[in-house]
Amino acid sequence: MNLVVHQGALGDWALILPVIRALRGLTAFVAPWSRAKLTAQLIPTVEPFNIESPAWAALHVDGDAGRVDARTTQLLRKVRTLISFVSGKDDPWAQNIRNLAPQAHLVLIDPNPPPGWGGHVGDWHLFQLQQQGLRITPQQPPTLINPHGPIVLHPGSGSPKKCWPVDRFESLLDRLRDQGCPTRVLLGEVELETWPSSLLDRWLNVYGAQAIDSLESLHSALQTAGLFVGNDAGPTHLAAQIGLPTLALFGPTDATRWSPRGPRVHLLAPASPAEMTWLEVDDVLAAVSEQTASSS
């Protein structure tokens, strides 16, 4: 069996799903519990495990392999290929794994590309896999087509610099609704916690935004969408990885390196990193029209 360990952010997690899909046979996936569970929903060959459990946490402590419980020890003895995104080659985690699973082919992945890496972060992961003797072809999900589904918009991101201006999102919403397009708006925890109350009230009461407080509710809200529109943020990466037609809005981050991956992702990105004000409402509206036309 395979075992994959990951503890990155939501977008980083979504970017490794094509690798997990490509692994043959049963794969134990160790990650924050909500992501581990959703991975098992998306990929039938995955069995989820909580990285925050005491047994997995003990692996980070030098010489603490003895604190790993019997169930985890038995699991590790079955592993033939172990891919870790949480460890360097000489730290306690890797040493403990070598002691507990000496039979496993241990592949250690640095999640972030070096400064000179000119390609996508997913290609950086693939390069490291190949360098360590694991040759696989990442697999994307099938396209999820909901021809009558609403256009789902998410205006947020963990970094304000990556957010298209709110007033432009509002203008886009107004124009889509004037055209009779069904729309739905999602607000995540960042927006709920940081937006001014007047702005939050307007989006909740005027635009009918849905407050999203968990990964499960985000996944559920995306299931019936016809198109997803969002910034460079975790929900955009998730939308792409469940197969939704996805329109990703980029500015200061390099889309060549960090774009979502999926069967139908369209990018609006400047020629070189720029403030999000580079992107006009007419440009996004035209891209939305093009994407919805190709889905009908």
C-alpha atoms as a PDB file:
ATOM      1  CA  MET A   1       0.000   0.000   0.000  1.00  0.00           C
ATOM      2  CA  ASN A   2       0.939   3.672  -0.305  1.00  0.00           C
ATOM      3  CA  LEU A   3       1.059   6.336   2.367  1.00  0.00           C
ATOM      4  CA  VAL A   4       1.054  10.096   1.741  1.00  0.00           C
ATOM      5  CA  VAL A   5       1.595  12.673   4.493  1.00  0.00           C
ATOM      6  CA  HIS A   6       0.718  16.345   3.972  1.00  0.00           C
ATOM      7  CA  GLN A   7       0.076  19.316   6.246  1.00  0.00           C
ATOM      8  CA  GLY A   8       0.029  22.341   3.918  1.00  0.00           C
ATOM      9  CA  ALA A   9      -2.673  24.920   3.303  1.00  0.00           C
ATOM     10  CA  LEU A  10      -5.901  24.246   1.404  1.00  0.00           C
ATOM     11  CA  GLY A  11      -4.544  25.243  -2.008  1.00  0.00           C
ATOM     12  CA  ASP A  12      -1.327  23.273  -1.471  1.00  0.00           C
ATOM     13  CA  TRP A  13      -3.373  20.204  -0.551  1.00  0.00           C
ATOM     14  CA  ALA A  14      -5.520  20.511  -3.689  1.00  0.00           C
ATOM     15  CA  LEU A  15      -2.401  20.625  -5.861  1.00  0.00           C
ATOM     16  CA  ILE A  16      -1.219  17.197  -4.687  1.00  0.00           C
ATOM     17  CA  LEU A  17      -4.518  15.424  -5.402  1.00  0.00           C
ATOM     18  CA  PRO A  18      -3.456  14.521  -8.994  1.00  0.00           C
ATOM     19  CA  VAL A  19      -0.469  12.668  -7.510  1.00  0.00           C
ATOM     20  CA  ILE A  20      -2.659  10.747  -5.060  1.00  0.00           C
ATOM     21  CA  ARG A  21      -5.060   9.781  -7.877  1.00  0.00           C
ATOM     22  CA  ALA A  22      -2.157   8.350  -9.853  1.00  0.00           C
ATOM     23  CA  LEU A  23      -0.973   5.963  -7.122  1.00  0.00           C
ATOM     24  CA  ARG A  24      -1.934   2.336  -7.632  1.00  0.00           C
ATOM     25  CA  GLY A  25      -3.764   0.447  -4.929  1.00  0.00           C
ATOM     26  CA  LEU A  26      -4.861   1.577  -1.491  1.00  0.00           C
ATOM     27  CA  THR A  27      -3.403   4.851  -0.239  1.00  0.00           C
ATOM     28  CA  ALA A  28      -3.414   5.931   3.397  1.00  0.00           C
ATOM     29  CA  PHE A  29      -3.566   9.724   3.468  1.00  0.00           C
ATOM     30  CA  VAL A  30      -2.398  11.466   6.632  1.00  0.00           C
ATOM     31  CA  ALA A  31      -3.438  15.122   6.797  1.00  0.00           C
ATOM     32  CA  PRO A  32      -5.546  17.549   8.848  1.00  0.00           C
ATOM     33  CA  TRP A  33      -8.748  15.603   9.401  1.00  0.00           C
ATOM     34  CA  SER A  34     -11.148  17.615   7.239  1.00  0.00           C
ATOM     35  CA  ARG A  35      -8.805  17.356   4.244  1.00  0.00           C
ATOM     36  CA  ALA A  36      -8.066  13.692   4.835  1.00  0.00           C
ATOM     37  CA  LYS A  37     -11.799  12.898   4.930  1.00  0.00           C
ATOM     38  CA  LEU A  38     -12.568  14.915   1.805  1.00  0.00           C
ATOM     39  CA  THR A  39      -9.691  13.269  -0.059  1.00  0.00           C
ATOM     40  CA  ALA A  40     -11.275   9.910   0.709  1.00  0.00           C
ATOM     41  CA  GLN A  41     -14.571  11.231  -0.701  1.00  0.00           C
ATOM     42  CA  LEU A  42     -12.915  12.410  -3.887  1.00  0.00           C
ATOM     43  CA  ILE A  43     -10.622   9.403  -4.408  1.00  0.00           C
ATOM     44  CA  PRO A  44     -12.165   5.984  -3.592  1.00  0.00           C
ATOM     45  CA  THR A  45      -8.786   4.269  -3.048  1.00  0.00           C
ATOM     46  CA  VAL A  46      -7.891   6.591  -0.130  1.00  0.00           C
ATOM     47  CA  GLU A  47      -8.199   5.768   3.575  1.00  0.00           C
ATOM     48  CA  PRO A  48      -8.016   8.913   5.753  1.00  0.00           C
ATOM     49  CA  PHE A  49      -5.923   9.443   8.914  1.00  0.00           C
ATOM     50  CA  ASN A  50      -5.685  12.480  11.181  1.00  0.00           C
ATOM     51  CA  ILE A  51      -2.185  13.977  11.264  1.00  0.00           C
ATOM     52  CA  GLU A  52      -3.023  15.727  14.534  1.00  0.00           C
ATOM     53  CA  SER A  53      -3.435  12.454  16.435  1.00  0.00           C
ATOM     54  CA  PRO A  54      -0.793  11.763  19.125  1.00  0.00           C
ATOM     55  CA  ALA A  55       0.797   8.876  17.201  1.00  0.00           C
ATOM     56  CA  TRP A  56       1.544  10.953  14.113  1.00  0.00           C
ATOM     57  CA  ALA A  57       2.623  13.951  16.180  1.00  0.00           C
ATOM     58  CA  ALA A  58       5.116  11.764  18.072  1.00  0.00           C
ATOM     59  CA  LEU A  59       7.023  11.120  14.864  1.00  0.00           C
ATOM     60  CA  HIS A  60       8.342  14.682  14.941  1.00  0.00           C
ATOM     61  CA  VAL A  61      10.158  14.125  18.237  1.00  0.00           C
ATOM     62  CA  ASP A  62      13.664  12.680  18.245  1.00  0.00           C
ATOM     63  CA  GLY A  63      13.630   9.065  19.395  1.00  0.00           C
ATOM     64  CA  ASP A  64       9.878   9.076  20.015  1.00  0.00           C
ATOM     65  CA  ALA A  65       8.964   6.205  17.703  1.00  0.00           C
ATOM     66  CA  GLY A  66       8.105   4.198  20.814  1.00  0.00           C
ATOM     67  CA  ARG A  67       5.091   6.445  21.450  1.00  0.00           C
ATOM     68  CA  VAL A  68       3.470   5.403  18.187  1.00  0.00           C
ATOM     69  CA  ASP A  69       0.455   3.207  18.911  1.00  0.00           C
ATOM     70  CA  ALA A  70       0.059  -0.383  17.708  1.00  0.00           C
ATOM     71  CA  ARG A  71      -2.464   0.499  14.972  1.00  0.00           C
ATOM     72  CA  THR A  72      -0.132   3.073  13.398  1.00  0.00           C
ATOM     73  CA  THR A  73       2.847   0.754  13.742  1.00  0.00           C
ATOM     74  CA  GLN A  74       0.959  -2.019  11.936  1.00  0.00           C
ATOM     75  CA  LEU A  75      -0.059   0.401   9.197  1.00  0.00           C
ATOM     76  CA  LEU A  76       3.524   1.541   8.669  1.00  0.00           C
ATOM     77  CA  ARG A  77       4.713  -2.060   8.346  1.00  0.00           C
ATOM     78  CA  LYS A  78       2.358  -2.532   5.362  1.00  0.00           C
ATOM     79  CA  VAL A  79       3.567   0.517   3.456  1.00  0.00           C
ATOM     80  CA  ARG A  80       5.606   0.003   0.312  1.00  0.00           C
ATOM     81  CA  THR A  81       5.703   3.611  -0.960  1.00  0.00           C
ATOM     82  CA  LEU A  82       5.655   6.524   1.491  1.00  0.00           C
ATOM     83  CA  ILE A  83       5.527  10.090   0.174  1.00  0.00           C
ATOM     84  CA  SER A  84       6.089  12.812   2.744  1.00  0.00           C
ATOM     85  CA  PHE A  85       5.574  16.544   2.303  1.00  0.00           C
ATOM     86  CA  VAL A  86       6.401  17.241   5.976  1.00  0.00           C
ATOM     87  CA  SER A  87      10.015  16.192   6.437  1.00  0.00           C
ATOM     88  CA  GLY A  88      13.611  16.671   5.392  1.00  0.00           C
ATOM     89  CA  LYS A  89      15.865  13.658   4.983  1.00  0.00           C
ATOM     90  CA  ASP A  90      17.709  13.998   8.303  1.00  0.00           C
ATOM     91  CA  ASP A  91      15.100  15.293  10.754  1.00  0.00           C
ATOM     92  CA  PRO A  92      13.474  13.199  13.543  1.00  0.00           C
ATOM     93  CA  TRP A  93      10.347  12.455  11.492  1.00  0.00           C
ATOM     94  CA  ALA A  94      12.315  10.793   8.698  1.00  0.00           C
ATOM     95  CA  GLN A  95      14.517   8.895  11.144  1.00  0.00           C
ATOM     96  CA  ASN A  96      11.506   7.590  13.070  1.00  0.00           C
ATOM     97  CA  ILE A  97       9.819   6.493   9.833  1.00  0.00           C
ATOM     98  CA  ARG A  98      12.954   4.638   8.739  1.00  0.00           C
ATOM     99  CA  ASN A  99      12.922   2.780  12.061  1.00  0.00           C
ATOM    100  CA  LEU A 100       9.208   1.930  11.915  1.00  0.00           C
ATOM    101  CA  ALA A 101       8.914   1.235   8.175  1.00  0.00           C
ATOM    102  CA  PRO A 102      12.337   0.084   6.955  1.00  0.00           C
ATOM    103  CA  GLN A 103      10.713  -1.764   4.051  1.00  0.00           C
ATOM    104  CA  ALA A 104       9.102   1.395   2.620  1.00  0.00           C
ATOM    105  CA  HIS A 105      10.422   3.363  -0.320  1.00  0.00           C
ATOM    106  CA  LEU A 106      10.614   6.756   1.415  1.00  0.00           C
ATOM    107  CA  VAL A 107      10.147   9.761  -0.885  1.00  0.00           C
ATOM    108  CA  LEU A 108      10.687  13.158   0.739  1.00  0.00           C
ATOM    109  CA  ILE A 109       9.169  16.137  -1.082  1.00  0.00           C
ATOM    110  CA  ASP A 110      10.045  19.783  -0.451  1.00  0.00           C
ATOM    111  CA  PRO A 111       6.645  21.468  -1.009  1.00  0.00           C
ATOM    112  CA  ASN A 112       8.022  24.806  -2.234  1.00  0.00           C
ATOM    113  CA  PRO A 113      10.105  25.228  -5.396  1.00  0.00           C
ATOM    114  CA  PRO A 114      13.500  26.896  -5.134  1.00  0.00           C
ATOM    115  CA  PRO A 115      13.799  30.512  -6.367  1.00  0.00           C
ATOM    116  CA  GLY A 116      15.198  29.444  -9.733  1.00  0.00           C
ATOM    117  CA  TRP A 117      12.387  27.019 -10.538  1.00  0.00           C
ATOM    118  CA  GLY A 118      10.617  28.316 -13.636  1.00  0.00           C
ATOM    119  CA  GLY A 119       7.629  25.992 -13.805  1.00  0.00           C
ATOM    120  CA  HIS A 120       4.552  25.053 -11.841  1.00  0.00           C
ATOM    121  CA  VAL A 121       4.770  23.876  -8.241  1.00  0.00           C
ATOM    122  CA  GLY A 122       3.073  20.632  -9.311  1.00  0.00           C
ATOM    123  CA  ASP A 123       5.875  20.014 -11.782  1.00  0.00           C
ATOM    124  CA  TRP A 124       8.371  20.640  -8.975  1.00  0.00           C
ATOM    125  CA  HIS A 125       6.700  17.890  -6.956  1.00  0.00           C
ATOM    126  CA  LEU A 126       6.745  15.573  -9.974  1.00  0.00           C
ATOM    127  CA  PHE A 127      10.440  16.306 -10.591  1.00  0.00           C
ATOM    128  CA  GLN A 128      11.293  15.308  -7.030  1.00  0.00           C
ATOM    129  CA  LEU A 129       9.213  12.134  -7.278  1.00  0.00           C
ATOM    130  CA  GLN A 130      11.049  11.131 -10.426  1.00  0.00           C
ATOM    131  CA  GLN A 131      14.434  11.996  -8.942  1.00  0.00           C
ATOM    132  CA  GLN A 132      13.674   9.586  -6.110  1.00  0.00           C
ATOM    133  CA  GLY A 133      12.633   6.732  -8.353  1.00  0.00           C
ATOM    134  CA  LEU A 134       8.850   7.164  -8.454  1.00  0.00           C
ATOM    135  CA  ARG A 135       7.573   7.716 -11.982  1.00  0.00           C
ATOM    136  CA  ILE A 136       3.874   8.500 -12.148  1.00  0.00           C
ATOM    137  CA  THR A 137       1.555  10.474 -14.390  1.00  0.00           C
ATOM    138  CA  PRO A 138      -0.638  12.855 -12.347  1.00  0.00           C
ATOM    139  CA  GLN A 139      -4.349  12.360 -12.988  1.00  0.00           C
ATOM    140  CA  GLN A 140      -6.943  15.109 -13.067  1.00  0.00           C
ATOM    141  CA  PRO A 141     -10.601  14.503 -12.149  1.00  0.00           C
ATOM    142  CA  PRO A 142     -13.286  14.305 -14.820  1.00  0.00           C
ATOM    143  CA  THR A 143     -14.994  17.570 -15.671  1.00  0.00           C
ATOM    144  CA  LEU A 144     -18.038  18.229 -13.503  1.00  0.00           C
ATOM    145  CA  ILE A 145     -20.692  19.670 -15.802  1.00  0.00           C
ATOM    146  CA  ASN A 146     -23.790  21.265 -14.270  1.00  0.00           C
ATOM    147  CA  PRO A 147     -25.223  23.115 -17.297  1.00  0.00           C
ATOM    148  CA  HIS A 148     -27.990  24.749 -15.281  1.00  0.00           C
ATOM    149  CA  GLY A 149     -25.908  25.372 -12.179  1.00  0.00           C
ATOM    150  CA  PRO A 150     -25.261  28.876 -10.854  1.00  0.00           C
ATOM    151  CA  ILE A 151     -22.096  30.881 -11.309  1.00  0.00           C
ATOM    152  CA  VAL A 152     -20.449  30.644  -7.890  1.00  0.00           C
ATOM    153  CA  LEU A 153     -18.222  33.536  -6.860  1.00  0.00           C
ATOM    154  CA  HIS A 154     -15.793  33.695  -3.961  1.00  0.00           C
ATOM    155  CA  PRO A 155     -14.276  37.185  -3.460  1.00  0.00           C
ATOM    156  CA  GLY A 156     -11.745  36.316  -0.760  1.00  0.00           C
ATOM    157  CA  SER A 157      -8.252  35.019  -0.153  1.00  0.00           C
ATOM    158  CA  GLY A 158      -5.949  34.600   2.803  1.00  0.00           C
ATOM    159  CA  SER A 159      -3.903  37.513   1.446  1.00  0.00           C
ATOM    160  CA  PRO A 160      -5.681  40.832   0.729  1.00  0.00           C
ATOM    161  CA  LYS A 161      -3.164  41.539  -2.045  1.00  0.00           C
ATOM    162  CA  LYS A 162      -4.531  38.576  -4.012  1.00  0.00           C
ATOM    163  CA  CYS A 163      -8.144  39.809  -3.852  1.00  0.00           C
ATOM    164  CA  TRP A 164      -9.778  41.467  -6.830  1.00  0.00           C
ATOM    165  CA  PRO A 165     -11.319  44.736  -5.520  1.00  0.00           C
ATOM    166  CA  VAL A 166     -14.645  44.139  -3.813  1.00  0.00           C
ATOM    167  CA  ASP A 167     -16.382  46.917  -5.734  1.00  0.00           C
ATOM    168  CA  ARG A 168     -15.452  45.183  -8.992  1.00  0.00           C
ATOM    169  CA  PHE A 169     -16.828  41.896  -7.722  1.00  0.00           C
ATOM    170  CA  GLU A 170     -20.038  43.744  -6.867  1.00  0.00           C
ATOM    171  CA  SER A 171     -20.192  45.273 -10.344  1.00  0.00           C
ATOM    172  CA  LEU A 172     -19.662  41.826 -11.875  1.00  0.00           C
ATOM    173  CA  LEU A 173     -22.469  40.393  -9.749  1.00  0.00           C
ATOM    174  CA  ASP A 174     -24.836  43.214 -10.650  1.00  0.00           C
ATOM    175  CA  ARG A 175     -24.188  42.804 -14.353  1.00  0.00           C
ATOM    176  CA  LEU A 176     -24.522  39.029 -14.266  1.00  0.00           C
ATOM    177  CA  ARG A 177     -27.850  39.301 -12.456  1.00  0.00           C
ATOM    178  CA  ASP A 178     -29.042  42.016 -14.852  1.00  0.00           C
ATOM    179  CA  GLN A 179     -28.385  39.492 -17.636  1.00  0.00           C
ATOM    180  CA  GLY A 180     -30.483  36.892 -15.825  1.00  0.00           C
ATOM    181  CA  CYS A 181     -27.544  34.650 -14.892  1.00  0.00           C
ATOM    182  CA  PRO A 182     -28.091  32.573 -11.741  1.00  0.00           C
ATOM    183  CA  THR A 183     -25.362  33.373  -9.221  1.00  0.00           C
ATOM    184  CA  ARG A 184     -24.325  32.321  -5.737  1.00  0.00           C
ATOM    185  CA  VAL A 185     -21.774  34.005  -3.490  1.00  0.00           C
ATOM    186  CA  LEU A 186     -19.594  32.292  -0.894  1.00  0.00           C
ATOM    187  CA  LEU A 187     -17.831  34.056   1.963  1.00  0.00           C
ATOM    188  CA  GLY A 188     -15.126  32.237   3.884  1.00  0.00           C
ATOM    189  CA  GLU A 189     -13.848  32.620   7.420  1.00  0.00           C
ATOM    190  CA  VAL A 190     -11.348  35.319   6.426  1.00  0.00           C
ATOM    191  CA  GLU A 191     -14.062  37.564   5.002  1.00  0.00           C
ATOM    192  CA  LEU A 192     -16.402  36.905   7.924  1.00  0.00           C
ATOM    193  CA  GLU A 193     -13.678  37.857  10.391  1.00  0.00           C
ATOM    194  CA  THR A 194     -11.992  40.776   8.618  1.00  0.00           C
ATOM    195  CA  TRP A 195     -14.526  42.594   6.435  1.00  0.00           C
ATOM    196  CA  PRO A 196     -16.103  45.767   7.872  1.00  0.00           C
ATOM    197  CA  SER A 197     -19.571  45.099   9.246  1.00  0.00           C
ATOM    198  CA  SER A 198     -21.248  47.381   6.689  1.00  0.00           C
ATOM    199  CA  LEU A 199     -19.621  45.523   3.799  1.00  0.00           C
ATOM    200  CA  LEU A 200     -20.380  42.145   5.314  1.00  0.00           C
ATOM    201  CA  ASP A 201     -24.022  43.108   5.883  1.00  0.00           C
ATOM    202  CA  ARG A 202     -24.388  44.207   2.263  1.00  0.00           C
ATOM    203  CA  TRP A 203     -22.991  40.954   0.903  1.00  0.00           C
ATOM    204  CA  LEU A 204     -25.067  38.812   3.233  1.00  0.00           C
ATOM    205  CA  ASN A 205     -28.320  40.735   2.894  1.00  0.00           C
ATOM    206  CA  VAL A 206     -28.188  42.297  -0.593  1.00  0.00           C
ATOM    207  CA  TYR A 207     -26.187  39.666  -2.470  1.00  0.00           C
ATOM    208  CA  GLY A 208     -27.422  36.732  -0.417  1.00  0.00           C
ATOM    209  CA  ALA A 209     -23.931  35.442   0.299  1.00  0.00           C
ATOM    210  CA  GLN A 210     -23.554  32.072   2.005  1.00  0.00           C
ATOM    211  CA  ALA A 211     -21.222  31.930   4.988  1.00  0.00           C
ATOM    212  CA  ILE A 212     -18.796  28.997   4.679  1.00  0.00           C
ATOM    213  CA  ASP A 213     -17.357  27.786   7.975  1.00  0.00           C
ATOM    214  CA  SER A 214     -15.874  24.388   7.079  1.00  0.00           C
ATOM    215  CA  LEU A 215     -14.285  22.456   4.235  1.00  0.00           C
ATOM    216  CA  GLU A 216     -17.324  20.171   4.152  1.00  0.00           C
ATOM    217  CA  SER A 217     -19.715  23.101   3.623  1.00  0.00           C
ATOM    218  CA  LEU A 218     -17.426  24.532   0.923  1.00  0.00           C
ATOM    219  CA  HIS A 219     -17.360  21.227  -0.950  1.00  0.00           C
ATOM    220  CA  SER A 220     -21.129  20.897  -0.648  1.00  0.00           C
ATOM    221  CA  ALA A 221     -21.674  24.432  -1.958  1.00  0.00           C
ATOM    222  CA  LEU A 222     -19.521  23.719  -5.012  1.00  0.00           C
ATOM    223  CA  GLN A 223     -21.218  20.488  -6.049  1.00  0.00           C
ATOM    224  CA  THR A 224     -24.016  22.019  -8.123  1.00  0.00           C
ATOM    225  CA  ALA A 225     -22.112  25.012  -9.540  1.00  0.00           C
ATOM    226  CA  GLY A 226     -21.944  25.596 -13.257  1.00  0.00           C
ATOM    227  CA  LEU A 227     -18.836  27.780 -13.042  1.00  0.00           C
ATOM    228  CA  PHE A 228     -16.578  28.951 -10.219  1.00  0.00           C
ATOM    229  CA  VAL A 229     -14.966  32.401 -10.190  1.00  0.00           C
ATOM    230  CA  GLY A 230     -12.381  33.248  -7.548  1.00  0.00           C
ATOM    231  CA  ASN A 231      -9.022  34.713  -6.653  1.00  0.00           C
ATOM    232  CA  ASP A 232      -5.779  32.811  -6.149  1.00  0.00           C
ATOM    233  CA  ALA A 233      -7.053  31.055  -3.027  1.00  0.00           C
ATOM    234  CA  GLY A 234      -7.793  27.617  -1.619  1.00  0.00           C
ATOM    235  CA  PRO A 235     -11.459  27.455  -2.743  1.00  0.00           C
ATOM    236  CA  THR A 236     -10.403  28.130  -6.338  1.00  0.00           C
ATOM    237  CA  HIS A 237      -7.930  25.244  -6.201  1.00  0.00           C
ATOM    238  CA  LEU A 238     -10.582  22.971  -4.697  1.00  0.00           C
ATOM    239  CA  ALA A 239     -13.131  23.924  -7.370  1.00  0.00           C
ATOM    240  CA  ALA A 240     -10.606  23.007 -10.062  1.00  0.00           C
ATOM    241  CA  GLN A 241      -9.841  19.692  -8.363  1.00  0.00           C
ATOM    242  CA  ILE A 242     -13.449  18.550  -8.134  1.00  0.00           C
ATOM    243  CA  GLY A 243     -13.642  19.126 -11.892  1.00  0.00           C
ATOM    244  CA  LEU A 244     -15.611  22.379 -12.002  1.00  0.00           C
ATOM    245  CA  PRO A 245     -15.059  24.825 -14.840  1.00  0.00           C
ATOM    246  CA  THR A 246     -12.967  27.367 -12.961  1.00  0.00           C
ATOM    247  CA  LEU A 247     -12.066  30.982 -13.716  1.00  0.00           C
ATOM    248  CA  ALA A 248      -9.067  32.023 -11.603  1.00  0.00           C
ATOM    249  CA  LEU A 249      -8.169  35.688 -11.149  1.00  0.00           C
ATOM    250  CA  PHE A 250      -4.463  36.398 -10.656  1.00  0.00           C
ATOM    251  CA  GLY A 251      -2.394  39.503  -9.974  1.00  0.00           C
ATOM    252  CA  PRO A 252       0.627  39.630  -7.654  1.00  0.00           C
ATOM    253  CA  THR A 253       1.292  35.884  -7.616  1.00  0.00           C
ATOM    254  CA  ASP A 254       2.864  34.061 -10.538  1.00  0.00           C
ATOM    255  CA  ALA A 255       0.169  32.052 -12.315  1.00  0.00           C
ATOM    256  CA  THR A 256       2.847  30.047 -14.115  1.00  0.00           C
ATOM    257  CA  ARG A 257       3.850  28.614 -10.753  1.00  0.00           C
ATOM    258  CA  TRP A 258       0.702  28.719  -8.612  1.00  0.00           C
ATOM    259  CA  SER A 259      -2.307  28.348 -10.939  1.00  0.00           C
ATOM    260  CA  PRO A 260      -5.028  25.834 -10.029  1.00  0.00           C
ATOM    261  CA  ARG A 261      -4.945  22.573 -11.916  1.00  0.00           C
ATOM    262  CA  GLY A 262      -7.987  20.736 -13.170  1.00  0.00           C
ATOM    263  CA  PRO A 263      -9.692  19.574 -16.348  1.00  0.00           C
ATOM    264  CA  ARG A 264     -11.108  23.005 -17.209  1.00  0.00           C
ATOM    265  CA  VAL A 265      -9.275  25.932 -15.666  1.00  0.00           C
ATOM    266  CA  HIS A 266      -9.157  29.340 -17.329  1.00  0.00           C
ATOM    267  CA  LEU A 267      -6.744  31.988 -16.038  1.00  0.00           C
ATOM    268  CA  LEU A 268      -6.968  35.747 -16.108  1.00  0.00           C
ATOM    269  CA  ALA A 269      -3.436  36.807 -15.265  1.00  0.00           C
ATOM    270  CA  PRO A 270      -1.186  39.747 -16.163  1.00  0.00           C
ATOM    271  CA  ALA A 271       1.922  39.264 -18.288  1.00  0.00           C
ATOM    272  CA  SER A 272       3.976  39.815 -15.118  1.00  0.00           C
ATOM    273  CA  PRO A 273       2.852  40.042 -11.460  1.00  0.00           C
ATOM    274  CA  ALA A 274       0.777  43.166 -10.819  1.00  0.00           C
ATOM    275  CA  GLU A 275      -1.780  44.587  -8.399  1.00  0.00           C
ATOM    276  CA  MET A 276      -5.264  43.134  -8.804  1.00  0.00           C
ATOM    277  CA  THR A 277      -6.505  46.480 -10.119  1.00  0.00           C
ATOM    278  CA  TRP A 278      -5.015  45.485 -13.474  1.00  0.00           C
ATOM    279  CA  LEU A 279      -8.128  43.390 -14.145  1.00  0.00           C
ATOM    280  CA  GLU A 280     -11.259  45.148 -15.425  1.00  0.00           C
ATOM    281  CA  VAL A 281     -14.856  44.044 -14.928  1.00  0.00           C
ATOM    282  CA  ASP A 282     -15.429  43.795 -18.679  1.00  0.00           C
ATOM    283  CA  ASP A 283     -12.547  41.314 -18.961  1.00  0.00           C
ATOM    284  CA  VAL A 284     -13.974  39.041 -16.283  1.00  0.00           C
ATOM    285  CA  LEU A 285     -17.504  39.327 -17.651  1.00  0.00           C
ATOM    286  CA  ALA A 286     -16.285  38.331 -21.121  1.00  0.00           C
ATOM    287  CA  ALA A 287     -14.420  35.331 -19.686  1.00  0.00           C
ATOM    288  CA  VAL A 288     -17.478  34.259 -17.696  1.00  0.00           C
ATOM    289  CA  SER A 289     -19.642  34.489 -20.822  1.00  0.00           C
ATOM    290  CA  GLU A 290     -17.137  32.404 -22.782  1.00  0.00           C
ATOM    291  CA  GLN A 291     -16.915  29.726 -20.103  1.00  0.00           C
ATOM    292  CA  THR A 292     -20.683  29.440 -19.568  1.00  0.00           C
ATOM    293  CA  ALA A 293     -21.274  29.258 -23.333  1.00  0.00           C
ATOM    294  CA  SER A 294     -18.862  26.353 -23.673  1.00  0.00           C
ATOM    295  CA  SER A 295     -20.628  24.495 -20.825  1.00  0.00           C
ATOM    296  CA  SER A 296     -24.115  24.746 -22.284  1.00  0.00           C
END
